[in-house]
Amino acid sequence: MPSRRRFKPEQLAFTWDAPGLVAGVDEAGRGPLAGPVVAAAVILDELKPIRGLADSKVITPLRRARLFDEILGRALCHSIALASVEEIDEMNILQATMLAMRRAVSGLRLPPHRVLVDGNRIPALPMPAQAIVRGDATVASISAASILAKVYRDRLCDELDQAHPGYGFASHKGYPTQEHLRALDEHGACAAHRRTFAPVRNVLKRP
């Protein structure tokens, strides 16, 4: 029996449909207590379809890594950008996420005519854009962007683990797990931690 799961045709995502390149955009890392927030933008090549695209959160790490390489090799163009810990603390995580998305779109080798963004908010962009709730599960280019952002950020966290041993960044990727909270309580905050996030802020307030 054929799968009932279908991606939305990206060229039909806008009621005011017009020809041109469509980029999918997604982010990774809004919830962690440490590390940057990462955004990716992808324009897929209709002549080089990629099988197995889905929300990065439901794909195994091995499959994500393989799709990451396939997207880099088969997409028409892609861009990965981030907003730093300092920018997150300065402007808040929502605005930093919008900044990372803008950087990702502006970094595309080919400027898109339209942009599809996962979620319910869109960054300020010079071209038309539409937010699609659960777009990472229903729009192929957003799924691809989700995978690029997730794998790239996970690899950054592996580097943070080397730079700041003892926190477990390689396993929890900065999210507020019990392991991470225990390490934060024991060692205090490191340079990679987001100072404005409550668990980190509370540790910094301790005498």
N, C-alpha and C. Protein backbone atom coordinates (compact mmCIF):
# COMPACT_ATOMS: atom_id res chain seq x y z
N MET A 1 0.85 -1.19 0.00
CA MET A 1 0.00 0.00 0.00
C MET A 1 0.89 1.25 0.00
N PRO A 2 0.65 2.21 -0.89
CA PRO A 2 1.50 3.40 -0.92
C PRO A 2 1.32 4.22 0.34
N SER A 3 2.39 4.92 0.73
CA SER A 3 2.36 5.75 1.92
C SER A 3 1.35 6.88 1.75
N ARG A 4 0.64 7.19 2.83
CA ARG A 4 -0.31 8.29 2.79
C ARG A 4 0.38 9.62 3.06
N ARG A 5 1.66 9.59 3.44
CA ARG A 5 2.40 10.81 3.74
C ARG A 5 2.85 11.46 2.44
N ARG A 6 2.53 12.70 2.28
CA ARG A 6 2.91 13.42 1.07
C ARG A 6 3.43 14.80 1.44
N PHE A 7 4.48 15.22 0.77
CA PHE A 7 4.94 16.59 0.94
C PHE A 7 3.99 17.52 0.19
N LYS A 8 3.83 18.72 0.72
CA LYS A 8 3.05 19.73 0.01
C LYS A 8 3.82 20.18 -1.22
N PRO A 9 3.18 20.28 -2.37
CA PRO A 9 3.88 20.83 -3.54
C PRO A 9 4.33 22.26 -3.23
N GLU A 10 5.61 22.48 -3.27
CA GLU A 10 6.12 23.77 -2.82
C GLU A 10 5.68 24.92 -3.72
N GLN A 11 5.47 24.62 -5.01
CA GLN A 11 5.05 25.69 -5.89
C GLN A 11 3.60 26.09 -5.65
N LEU A 12 2.85 25.29 -4.85
CA LEU A 12 1.46 25.61 -4.56
C LEU A 12 1.27 26.16 -3.15
N ALA A 13 2.36 26.40 -2.46
CA ALA A 13 2.26 26.83 -1.07
C ALA A 13 1.71 28.24 -0.94
N PHE A 14 1.71 29.00 -2.04
CA PHE A 14 1.23 30.37 -2.01
C PHE A 14 -0.02 30.48 -2.90
N THR A 15 -1.02 31.13 -2.39
CA THR A 15 -2.22 31.32 -3.20
C THR A 15 -1.93 32.27 -4.36
N TRP A 16 -0.96 33.17 -4.19
CA TRP A 16 -0.58 34.09 -5.25
C TRP A 16 0.62 33.51 -5.99
N ASP A 17 0.51 32.26 -6.38
CA ASP A 17 1.58 31.50 -7.00
C ASP A 17 2.21 32.24 -8.18
N ALA A 18 3.52 32.20 -8.23
CA ALA A 18 4.26 32.79 -9.35
C ALA A 18 5.52 31.96 -9.55
N PRO A 19 6.02 31.89 -10.78
CA PRO A 19 7.20 31.07 -11.03
C PRO A 19 8.44 31.63 -10.34
N GLY A 20 9.38 30.75 -10.03
CA GLY A 20 10.63 31.19 -9.41
C GLY A 20 11.12 30.20 -8.38
N LEU A 21 12.33 30.41 -7.91
CA LEU A 21 12.95 29.51 -6.95
C LEU A 21 12.32 29.67 -5.57
N VAL A 22 12.13 28.54 -4.89
CA VAL A 22 11.54 28.53 -3.56
C VAL A 22 12.55 27.95 -2.58
N ALA A 23 12.82 28.66 -1.50
CA ALA A 23 13.75 28.19 -0.47
C ALA A 23 12.97 27.76 0.77
N GLY A 24 13.39 26.66 1.36
CA GLY A 24 12.87 26.25 2.65
C GLY A 24 13.83 26.65 3.74
N VAL A 25 13.32 27.07 4.88
CA VAL A 25 14.16 27.56 5.98
C VAL A 25 13.71 26.92 7.30
N ASP A 26 14.67 26.50 8.10
CA ASP A 26 14.38 26.00 9.44
C ASP A 26 15.57 26.27 10.34
N GLU A 27 15.37 26.07 11.64
CA GLU A 27 16.42 26.34 12.62
C GLU A 27 16.61 25.16 13.56
N ALA A 28 17.70 25.19 14.28
CA ALA A 28 17.96 24.21 15.33
C ALA A 28 18.63 24.93 16.49
N GLY A 29 18.19 24.61 17.71
CA GLY A 29 18.88 25.15 18.86
C GLY A 29 18.22 26.30 19.58
N ARG A 30 16.89 26.41 19.50
CA ARG A 30 16.24 27.48 20.27
C ARG A 30 16.18 27.15 21.76
N GLY A 31 16.02 25.88 22.09
CA GLY A 31 15.79 25.50 23.47
C GLY A 31 17.00 25.25 24.34
N PRO A 32 18.18 24.98 23.79
CA PRO A 32 19.34 24.67 24.63
C PRO A 32 19.77 25.83 25.52
N LEU A 33 20.56 25.48 26.53
CA LEU A 33 21.11 26.48 27.45
C LEU A 33 22.47 26.99 26.99
N ALA A 34 23.00 26.39 25.91
CA ALA A 34 24.34 26.75 25.48
C ALA A 34 24.46 26.61 23.97
N GLY A 35 25.45 27.30 23.42
CA GLY A 35 25.73 27.21 22.00
C GLY A 35 24.86 28.13 21.17
N PRO A 36 25.24 28.33 19.91
CA PRO A 36 24.49 29.23 19.02
C PRO A 36 23.19 28.61 18.56
N VAL A 37 22.31 29.43 18.00
CA VAL A 37 21.16 28.93 17.27
C VAL A 37 21.55 28.92 15.79
N VAL A 38 21.20 27.84 15.10
CA VAL A 38 21.64 27.64 13.72
C VAL A 38 20.42 27.61 12.80
N ALA A 39 20.51 28.26 11.67
CA ALA A 39 19.45 28.23 10.66
C ALA A 39 20.03 27.78 9.33
N ALA A 40 19.20 27.14 8.53
CA ALA A 40 19.62 26.72 7.20
C ALA A 40 18.54 27.09 6.19
N ALA A 41 18.97 27.37 4.99
CA ALA A 41 18.06 27.64 3.86
C ALA A 41 18.47 26.72 2.71
N VAL A 42 17.49 26.12 2.06
CA VAL A 42 17.77 25.16 0.99
C VAL A 42 16.83 25.40 -0.19
N ILE A 43 17.40 25.41 -1.38
CA ILE A 43 16.63 25.38 -2.61
C ILE A 43 16.91 24.04 -3.27
N LEU A 44 15.91 23.19 -3.34
CA LEU A 44 16.10 21.86 -3.91
C LEU A 44 16.09 21.91 -5.44
N ASP A 45 16.72 20.91 -6.02
CA ASP A 45 16.74 20.76 -7.48
C ASP A 45 15.70 19.72 -7.86
N GLU A 46 14.67 20.13 -8.59
CA GLU A 46 13.61 19.20 -8.97
C GLU A 46 14.13 18.04 -9.82
N LEU A 47 15.26 18.24 -10.47
CA LEU A 47 15.83 17.19 -11.31
C LEU A 47 16.68 16.21 -10.51
N LYS A 48 16.94 16.52 -9.24
CA LYS A 48 17.74 15.64 -8.39
C LYS A 48 17.01 15.41 -7.07
N PRO A 49 15.90 14.67 -7.11
CA PRO A 49 15.12 14.46 -5.88
C PRO A 49 15.91 13.69 -4.83
N ILE A 50 15.61 13.98 -3.58
CA ILE A 50 16.28 13.33 -2.45
C ILE A 50 15.23 12.54 -1.68
N ARG A 51 15.43 11.26 -1.58
CA ARG A 51 14.47 10.40 -0.90
C ARG A 51 14.74 10.39 0.62
N GLY A 52 13.67 10.26 1.37
CA GLY A 52 13.81 10.13 2.82
C GLY A 52 13.82 11.41 3.61
N LEU A 53 13.55 12.54 2.96
CA LEU A 53 13.51 13.80 3.69
C LEU A 53 12.34 13.80 4.69
N ALA A 54 12.60 14.27 5.88
CA ALA A 54 11.59 14.33 6.94
C ALA A 54 12.08 15.29 8.00
N ASP A 55 11.24 15.54 8.98
CA ASP A 55 11.63 16.34 10.14
C ASP A 55 12.87 15.72 10.76
N SER A 56 13.92 16.52 10.95
CA SER A 56 15.19 15.98 11.45
C SER A 56 15.05 15.29 12.79
N LYS A 57 14.05 15.69 13.58
CA LYS A 57 13.90 15.13 14.93
C LYS A 57 13.43 13.68 14.91
N VAL A 58 12.87 13.20 13.79
CA VAL A 58 12.37 11.83 13.74
C VAL A 58 13.30 10.91 12.95
N ILE A 59 14.47 11.41 12.56
CA ILE A 59 15.43 10.63 11.80
C ILE A 59 16.60 10.27 12.71
N THR A 60 17.14 9.08 12.55
CA THR A 60 18.28 8.67 13.36
C THR A 60 19.51 9.52 13.03
N PRO A 61 20.43 9.66 13.97
CA PRO A 61 21.64 10.45 13.70
C PRO A 61 22.41 9.95 12.47
N LEU A 62 22.49 8.65 12.27
CA LEU A 62 23.20 8.12 11.10
C LEU A 62 22.51 8.51 9.81
N ARG A 63 21.18 8.39 9.80
CA ARG A 63 20.42 8.76 8.60
C ARG A 63 20.51 10.26 8.35
N ARG A 64 20.47 11.06 9.43
CA ARG A 64 20.62 12.52 9.27
C ARG A 64 21.95 12.86 8.63
N ALA A 65 23.02 12.20 9.08
CA ALA A 65 24.34 12.49 8.55
C ALA A 65 24.42 12.16 7.06
N ARG A 66 23.80 11.05 6.68
CA ARG A 66 23.82 10.67 5.26
C ARG A 66 23.00 11.65 4.42
N LEU A 67 21.85 12.05 4.95
CA LEU A 67 21.03 13.02 4.22
C LEU A 67 21.71 14.38 4.15
N PHE A 68 22.43 14.74 5.21
CA PHE A 68 23.18 16.00 5.22
C PHE A 68 24.11 16.05 4.00
N ASP A 69 24.88 15.00 3.80
CA ASP A 69 25.81 14.96 2.67
C ASP A 69 25.07 14.95 1.34
N GLU A 70 23.94 14.24 1.30
CA GLU A 70 23.19 14.17 0.05
C GLU A 70 22.58 15.52 -0.30
N ILE A 71 22.09 16.22 0.69
CA ILE A 71 21.53 17.56 0.45
C ILE A 71 22.61 18.50 -0.06
N LEU A 72 23.78 18.46 0.56
CA LEU A 72 24.88 19.33 0.10
C LEU A 72 25.24 19.03 -1.34
N GLY A 73 25.16 17.77 -1.74
CA GLY A 73 25.57 17.39 -3.08
C GLY A 73 24.49 17.55 -4.13
N ARG A 74 23.21 17.51 -3.74
CA ARG A 74 22.14 17.47 -4.73
C ARG A 74 21.25 18.71 -4.75
N ALA A 75 21.25 19.49 -3.70
CA ALA A 75 20.41 20.70 -3.69
C ALA A 75 20.94 21.71 -4.70
N LEU A 76 20.05 22.52 -5.20
CA LEU A 76 20.46 23.57 -6.14
C LEU A 76 21.40 24.55 -5.44
N CYS A 77 21.08 24.90 -4.22
CA CYS A 77 21.99 25.67 -3.38
C CYS A 77 21.51 25.60 -1.94
N HIS A 78 22.41 25.91 -1.02
CA HIS A 78 22.09 25.87 0.40
C HIS A 78 22.92 26.90 1.13
N SER A 79 22.50 27.22 2.34
CA SER A 79 23.24 28.16 3.17
C SER A 79 22.96 27.82 4.63
N ILE A 80 24.01 27.85 5.45
CA ILE A 80 23.87 27.61 6.88
C ILE A 80 24.44 28.83 7.60
N ALA A 81 23.70 29.35 8.56
CA ALA A 81 24.14 30.54 9.29
C ALA A 81 23.76 30.38 10.76
N LEU A 82 24.31 31.24 11.59
CA LEU A 82 24.00 31.14 13.02
C LEU A 82 23.94 32.52 13.65
N ALA A 83 23.37 32.51 14.86
CA ALA A 83 23.44 33.68 15.74
C ALA A 83 24.16 33.21 17.00
N SER A 84 25.12 33.97 17.44
CA SER A 84 26.01 33.55 18.52
C SER A 84 25.33 33.61 19.88
N VAL A 85 25.98 33.02 20.86
CA VAL A 85 25.50 33.09 22.24
C VAL A 85 25.38 34.55 22.68
N GLU A 86 26.35 35.36 22.32
CA GLU A 86 26.33 36.77 22.70
C GLU A 86 25.12 37.48 22.07
N GLU A 87 24.81 37.16 20.81
CA GLU A 87 23.65 37.78 20.16
C GLU A 87 22.35 37.29 20.78
N ILE A 88 22.30 36.02 21.16
CA ILE A 88 21.11 35.49 21.84
C ILE A 88 20.87 36.25 23.14
N ASP A 89 21.93 36.44 23.91
CA ASP A 89 21.79 37.14 25.19
C ASP A 89 21.45 38.61 25.01
N GLU A 90 21.93 39.18 23.93
CA GLU A 90 21.70 40.61 23.69
C GLU A 90 20.28 40.89 23.22
N MET A 91 19.73 40.04 22.33
CA MET A 91 18.46 40.38 21.69
C MET A 91 17.32 39.43 22.00
N ASN A 92 17.53 38.36 22.70
CA ASN A 92 16.62 37.28 23.06
C ASN A 92 16.61 36.21 21.96
N ILE A 93 16.18 35.01 22.34
CA ILE A 93 16.32 33.86 21.45
C ILE A 93 15.45 33.97 20.21
N LEU A 94 14.26 34.54 20.32
CA LEU A 94 13.39 34.67 19.15
C LEU A 94 14.03 35.57 18.11
N GLN A 95 14.49 36.75 18.54
CA GLN A 95 15.08 37.68 17.58
C GLN A 95 16.40 37.14 17.02
N ALA A 96 17.14 36.42 17.84
CA ALA A 96 18.38 35.81 17.34
C ALA A 96 18.09 34.73 16.31
N THR A 97 17.00 33.99 16.51
CA THR A 97 16.60 32.99 15.53
C THR A 97 16.22 33.64 14.21
N MET A 98 15.47 34.74 14.28
CA MET A 98 15.10 35.46 13.06
C MET A 98 16.35 35.98 12.35
N LEU A 99 17.33 36.44 13.13
CA LEU A 99 18.59 36.92 12.56
C LEU A 99 19.32 35.80 11.84
N ALA A 100 19.41 34.64 12.47
CA ALA A 100 20.08 33.50 11.83
C ALA A 100 19.37 33.10 10.54
N MET A 101 18.05 33.14 10.54
CA MET A 101 17.29 32.80 9.32
C MET A 101 17.56 33.81 8.22
N ARG A 102 17.59 35.10 8.57
CA ARG A 102 17.89 36.12 7.55
C ARG A 102 19.27 35.90 6.97
N ARG A 103 20.22 35.58 7.83
CA ARG A 103 21.58 35.33 7.34
C ARG A 103 21.63 34.11 6.42
N ALA A 104 20.86 33.08 6.77
CA ALA A 104 20.85 31.88 5.93
C ALA A 104 20.28 32.19 4.55
N VAL A 105 19.18 32.92 4.51
CA VAL A 105 18.57 33.25 3.22
C VAL A 105 19.50 34.15 2.40
N SER A 106 20.09 35.15 3.04
CA SER A 106 20.97 36.06 2.31
C SER A 106 22.25 35.37 1.83
N GLY A 107 22.59 34.24 2.45
CA GLY A 107 23.79 33.51 2.05
C GLY A 107 23.59 32.56 0.89
N LEU A 108 22.37 32.41 0.41
CA LEU A 108 22.12 31.52 -0.73
C LEU A 108 22.79 32.05 -1.98
N ARG A 109 23.42 31.15 -2.72
CA ARG A 109 24.09 31.54 -3.96
C ARG A 109 23.09 32.05 -4.99
N LEU A 110 21.90 31.49 -5.00
CA LEU A 110 20.83 31.93 -5.89
C LEU A 110 19.73 32.55 -5.05
N PRO A 111 19.38 33.80 -5.27
CA PRO A 111 18.33 34.41 -4.44
C PRO A 111 16.97 33.82 -4.76
N PRO A 112 16.24 33.38 -3.75
CA PRO A 112 14.92 32.79 -4.00
C PRO A 112 13.88 33.85 -4.29
N HIS A 113 12.85 33.45 -5.03
CA HIS A 113 11.72 34.35 -5.25
C HIS A 113 10.75 34.32 -4.07
N ARG A 114 10.70 33.17 -3.40
CA ARG A 114 9.81 33.00 -2.25
C ARG A 114 10.51 32.14 -1.21
N VAL A 115 10.07 32.29 0.03
CA VAL A 115 10.68 31.55 1.14
C VAL A 115 9.57 30.91 1.98
N LEU A 116 9.76 29.64 2.32
CA LEU A 116 8.85 28.92 3.20
C LEU A 116 9.59 28.65 4.50
N VAL A 117 9.01 29.06 5.62
CA VAL A 117 9.67 28.98 6.92
C VAL A 117 8.89 28.05 7.84
N ASP A 118 9.59 27.16 8.52
CA ASP A 118 8.92 26.28 9.47
C ASP A 118 8.45 27.08 10.68
N GLY A 119 7.25 26.77 11.15
CA GLY A 119 6.74 27.42 12.35
C GLY A 119 5.64 28.43 12.06
N ASN A 120 5.49 29.39 12.95
CA ASN A 120 4.42 30.38 12.81
C ASN A 120 4.93 31.81 12.78
N ARG A 121 6.23 31.97 12.61
CA ARG A 121 6.82 33.32 12.50
C ARG A 121 7.80 33.35 11.34
N ILE A 122 7.91 34.50 10.73
CA ILE A 122 8.85 34.65 9.63
C ILE A 122 9.77 35.84 9.90
N PRO A 123 11.03 35.73 9.48
CA PRO A 123 11.93 36.88 9.61
C PRO A 123 11.62 37.93 8.57
N ALA A 124 12.12 39.12 8.78
CA ALA A 124 11.97 40.19 7.79
C ALA A 124 12.90 39.88 6.62
N LEU A 125 12.32 39.70 5.44
CA LEU A 125 13.08 39.33 4.26
C LEU A 125 12.71 40.23 3.09
N PRO A 126 13.60 40.36 2.10
CA PRO A 126 13.30 41.22 0.96
C PRO A 126 12.40 40.57 -0.08
N MET A 127 12.02 39.30 0.13
CA MET A 127 11.13 38.60 -0.80
C MET A 127 9.94 38.05 -0.04
N PRO A 128 8.86 37.69 -0.73
CA PRO A 128 7.70 37.12 -0.03
C PRO A 128 8.07 35.87 0.74
N ALA A 129 7.44 35.70 1.92
CA ALA A 129 7.71 34.54 2.75
C ALA A 129 6.42 34.08 3.41
N GLN A 130 6.37 32.80 3.73
CA GLN A 130 5.20 32.23 4.38
C GLN A 130 5.64 31.28 5.47
N ALA A 131 5.01 31.37 6.63
CA ALA A 131 5.27 30.44 7.74
C ALA A 131 4.35 29.24 7.60
N ILE A 132 4.89 28.04 7.81
CA ILE A 132 4.10 26.81 7.70
C ILE A 132 4.34 25.98 8.96
N VAL A 133 3.31 25.86 9.78
CA VAL A 133 3.40 25.04 10.99
C VAL A 133 3.60 23.58 10.59
N ARG A 134 4.58 22.93 11.21
CA ARG A 134 4.98 21.56 10.90
C ARG A 134 5.49 21.45 9.47
N GLY A 135 6.03 22.53 8.95
CA GLY A 135 6.57 22.51 7.60
C GLY A 135 7.73 21.55 7.46
N ASP A 136 8.47 21.31 8.57
CA ASP A 136 9.61 20.40 8.49
C ASP A 136 9.17 18.96 8.21
N ALA A 137 7.88 18.66 8.40
CA ALA A 137 7.37 17.32 8.13
C ALA A 137 6.57 17.25 6.84
N THR A 138 6.26 18.41 6.23
CA THR A 138 5.35 18.41 5.08
C THR A 138 5.90 19.08 3.83
N VAL A 139 6.97 19.85 3.98
CA VAL A 139 7.55 20.56 2.83
C VAL A 139 9.00 20.10 2.67
N ALA A 140 9.32 19.56 1.52
CA ALA A 140 10.62 18.91 1.33
C ALA A 140 11.79 19.85 1.59
N SER A 141 11.73 21.07 1.08
CA SER A 141 12.87 21.97 1.25
C SER A 141 13.04 22.39 2.71
N ILE A 142 11.93 22.50 3.46
CA ILE A 142 12.05 22.81 4.88
C ILE A 142 12.63 21.62 5.63
N SER A 143 12.22 20.41 5.25
CA SER A 143 12.81 19.21 5.85
C SER A 143 14.32 19.19 5.63
N ALA A 144 14.73 19.52 4.41
CA ALA A 144 16.16 19.55 4.10
C ALA A 144 16.87 20.58 4.95
N ALA A 145 16.26 21.76 5.11
CA ALA A 145 16.86 22.80 5.94
C ALA A 145 16.93 22.35 7.40
N SER A 146 15.91 21.65 7.86
CA SER A 146 15.88 21.13 9.22
C SER A 146 17.05 20.19 9.46
N ILE A 147 17.32 19.33 8.49
CA ILE A 147 18.42 18.36 8.62
C ILE A 147 19.77 19.06 8.62
N LEU A 148 19.96 20.02 7.71
CA LEU A 148 21.24 20.74 7.67
C LEU A 148 21.49 21.47 8.98
N ALA A 149 20.47 22.17 9.49
CA ALA A 149 20.65 22.94 10.72
C ALA A 149 20.94 22.02 11.90
N LYS A 150 20.21 20.91 12.00
CA LYS A 150 20.37 20.00 13.12
C LYS A 150 21.76 19.34 13.12
N VAL A 151 22.17 18.81 11.98
CA VAL A 151 23.47 18.13 11.93
C VAL A 151 24.60 19.12 12.17
N TYR A 152 24.51 20.29 11.55
CA TYR A 152 25.56 21.30 11.72
C TYR A 152 25.68 21.71 13.19
N ARG A 153 24.54 21.94 13.84
CA ARG A 153 24.60 22.36 15.24
C ARG A 153 25.09 21.23 16.14
N ASP A 154 24.68 20.01 15.87
CA ASP A 154 25.17 18.88 16.67
C ASP A 154 26.69 18.77 16.58
N ARG A 155 27.23 19.03 15.41
CA ARG A 155 28.68 18.96 15.24
C ARG A 155 29.37 20.10 15.98
N LEU A 156 28.73 21.26 16.01
CA LEU A 156 29.27 22.37 16.81
C LEU A 156 29.30 21.98 18.29
N CYS A 157 28.27 21.27 18.74
CA CYS A 157 28.23 20.85 20.15
C CYS A 157 29.31 19.81 20.45
N ASP A 158 29.65 18.98 19.47
CA ASP A 158 30.76 18.06 19.65
C ASP A 158 32.06 18.84 19.86
N GLU A 159 32.20 19.96 19.15
CA GLU A 159 33.38 20.80 19.33
C GLU A 159 33.35 21.49 20.70
N LEU A 160 32.16 21.90 21.14
CA LEU A 160 32.05 22.50 22.47
C LEU A 160 32.44 21.49 23.55
N ASP A 161 32.13 20.23 23.31
CA ASP A 161 32.48 19.19 24.28
C ASP A 161 33.99 19.09 24.43
N GLN A 162 34.71 19.27 23.34
CA GLN A 162 36.16 19.24 23.39
C GLN A 162 36.71 20.49 24.08
N ALA A 163 36.07 21.62 23.82
CA ALA A 163 36.56 22.88 24.39
C ALA A 163 36.20 23.03 25.86
N HIS A 164 35.08 22.43 26.26
CA HIS A 164 34.60 22.57 27.64
C HIS A 164 34.26 21.19 28.19
N PRO A 165 35.24 20.36 28.45
CA PRO A 165 34.97 19.01 28.96
C PRO A 165 34.32 19.06 30.34
N GLY A 166 33.50 18.04 30.59
CA GLY A 166 32.84 17.96 31.88
C GLY A 166 31.38 18.35 31.87
N TYR A 167 30.93 19.00 30.79
CA TYR A 167 29.54 19.41 30.70
C TYR A 167 28.67 18.41 29.93
N GLY A 168 29.27 17.58 29.11
CA GLY A 168 28.50 16.59 28.35
C GLY A 168 27.84 17.12 27.10
N PHE A 169 28.40 18.18 26.51
CA PHE A 169 27.76 18.78 25.33
C PHE A 169 27.59 17.79 24.18
N ALA A 170 28.49 16.83 24.05
CA ALA A 170 28.39 15.87 22.95
C ALA A 170 27.16 14.99 23.07
N SER A 171 26.67 14.79 24.28
CA SER A 171 25.50 13.91 24.46
C SER A 171 24.18 14.69 24.49
N HIS A 172 24.12 15.78 25.25
CA HIS A 172 22.84 16.48 25.38
C HIS A 172 22.70 17.67 24.44
N LYS A 173 23.78 18.03 23.73
CA LYS A 173 23.75 19.11 22.74
C LYS A 173 23.31 20.45 23.32
N GLY A 174 23.52 20.63 24.61
CA GLY A 174 23.20 21.90 25.24
C GLY A 174 21.81 21.98 25.84
N TYR A 175 20.97 20.99 25.59
CA TYR A 175 19.61 21.02 26.14
C TYR A 175 19.63 20.82 27.65
N PRO A 176 18.60 21.28 28.35
CA PRO A 176 18.60 21.24 29.82
C PRO A 176 18.25 19.86 30.38
N THR A 177 19.04 18.87 30.07
CA THR A 177 18.85 17.54 30.64
C THR A 177 19.34 17.52 32.09
N GLN A 178 19.00 16.45 32.80
CA GLN A 178 19.48 16.32 34.17
C GLN A 178 21.01 16.29 34.22
N GLU A 179 21.61 15.61 33.25
CA GLU A 179 23.07 15.56 33.18
C GLU A 179 23.65 16.96 33.04
N HIS A 180 23.05 17.75 32.16
CA HIS A 180 23.55 19.11 31.92
C HIS A 180 23.35 19.99 33.15
N LEU A 181 22.18 19.89 33.76
CA LEU A 181 21.90 20.72 34.94
C LEU A 181 22.82 20.37 36.10
N ARG A 182 23.13 19.09 36.25
CA ARG A 182 24.07 18.69 37.31
C ARG A 182 25.46 19.26 37.04
N ALA A 183 25.90 19.20 35.77
CA ALA A 183 27.22 19.73 35.42
C ALA A 183 27.26 21.24 35.61
N LEU A 184 26.18 21.90 35.26
CA LEU A 184 26.10 23.35 35.43
C LEU A 184 26.17 23.72 36.90
N ASP A 185 25.49 22.94 37.73
CA ASP A 185 25.51 23.19 39.18
C ASP A 185 26.90 22.94 39.76
N GLU A 186 27.57 21.93 39.24
CA GLU A 186 28.88 21.55 39.78
C GLU A 186 30.00 22.46 39.29
N HIS A 187 30.00 22.79 38.01
CA HIS A 187 31.12 23.52 37.41
C HIS A 187 30.84 25.01 37.19
N GLY A 188 29.57 25.40 37.30
CA GLY A 188 29.22 26.77 36.96
C GLY A 188 29.09 26.93 35.45
N ALA A 189 28.82 28.15 35.01
CA ALA A 189 28.63 28.40 33.58
C ALA A 189 29.98 28.55 32.88
N CYS A 190 30.03 28.07 31.64
CA CYS A 190 31.22 28.28 30.82
C CYS A 190 30.92 29.33 29.76
N ALA A 191 31.90 29.61 28.92
CA ALA A 191 31.73 30.67 27.92
C ALA A 191 30.65 30.35 26.90
N ALA A 192 30.30 29.08 26.74
CA ALA A 192 29.30 28.68 25.75
C ALA A 192 27.87 28.81 26.25
N HIS A 193 27.68 29.08 27.52
CA HIS A 193 26.34 29.13 28.08
C HIS A 193 25.65 30.46 27.79
N ARG A 194 24.33 30.38 27.62
CA ARG A 194 23.50 31.55 27.38
C ARG A 194 23.14 32.18 28.73
N ARG A 195 23.70 33.32 29.01
CA ARG A 195 23.58 33.95 30.33
C ARG A 195 22.15 34.34 30.69
N THR A 196 21.30 34.59 29.71
CA THR A 196 19.95 35.06 29.99
C THR A 196 18.95 33.93 30.19
N PHE A 197 19.37 32.68 30.00
CA PHE A 197 18.46 31.55 30.21
C PHE A 197 18.44 31.22 31.70
N ALA A 198 17.24 30.98 32.24
CA ALA A 198 17.04 30.92 33.69
C ALA A 198 18.00 29.99 34.44
N PRO A 199 18.19 28.74 34.03
CA PRO A 199 19.10 27.88 34.81
C PRO A 199 20.53 28.41 34.86
N VAL A 200 20.97 29.03 33.78
CA VAL A 200 22.32 29.61 33.77
C VAL A 200 22.34 30.88 34.60
N ARG A 201 21.34 31.71 34.43
CA ARG A 201 21.26 32.96 35.18
C ARG A 201 21.24 32.69 36.69
N ASN A 202 20.51 31.66 37.10
CA ASN A 202 20.44 31.33 38.53
C ASN A 202 21.79 30.88 39.08
N VAL A 203 22.53 30.12 38.27
CA VAL A 203 23.86 29.70 38.70
C VAL A 203 24.79 30.89 38.82
N LEU A 204 24.69 31.82 37.91
CA LEU A 204 25.56 33.00 37.93
C LEU A 204 25.25 33.92 39.12
N LYS A 205 24.03 33.83 39.63
CA LYS A 205 23.64 34.68 40.77
C LYS A 205 24.13 34.13 42.10
N ARG A 206 24.57 32.89 42.11
CA ARG A 206 24.99 32.29 43.37
C ARG A 206 26.22 33.02 43.92
N PRO A 207 26.29 33.15 45.24
CA PRO A 207 27.45 33.83 45.84
C PRO A 207 28.70 32.98 45.68
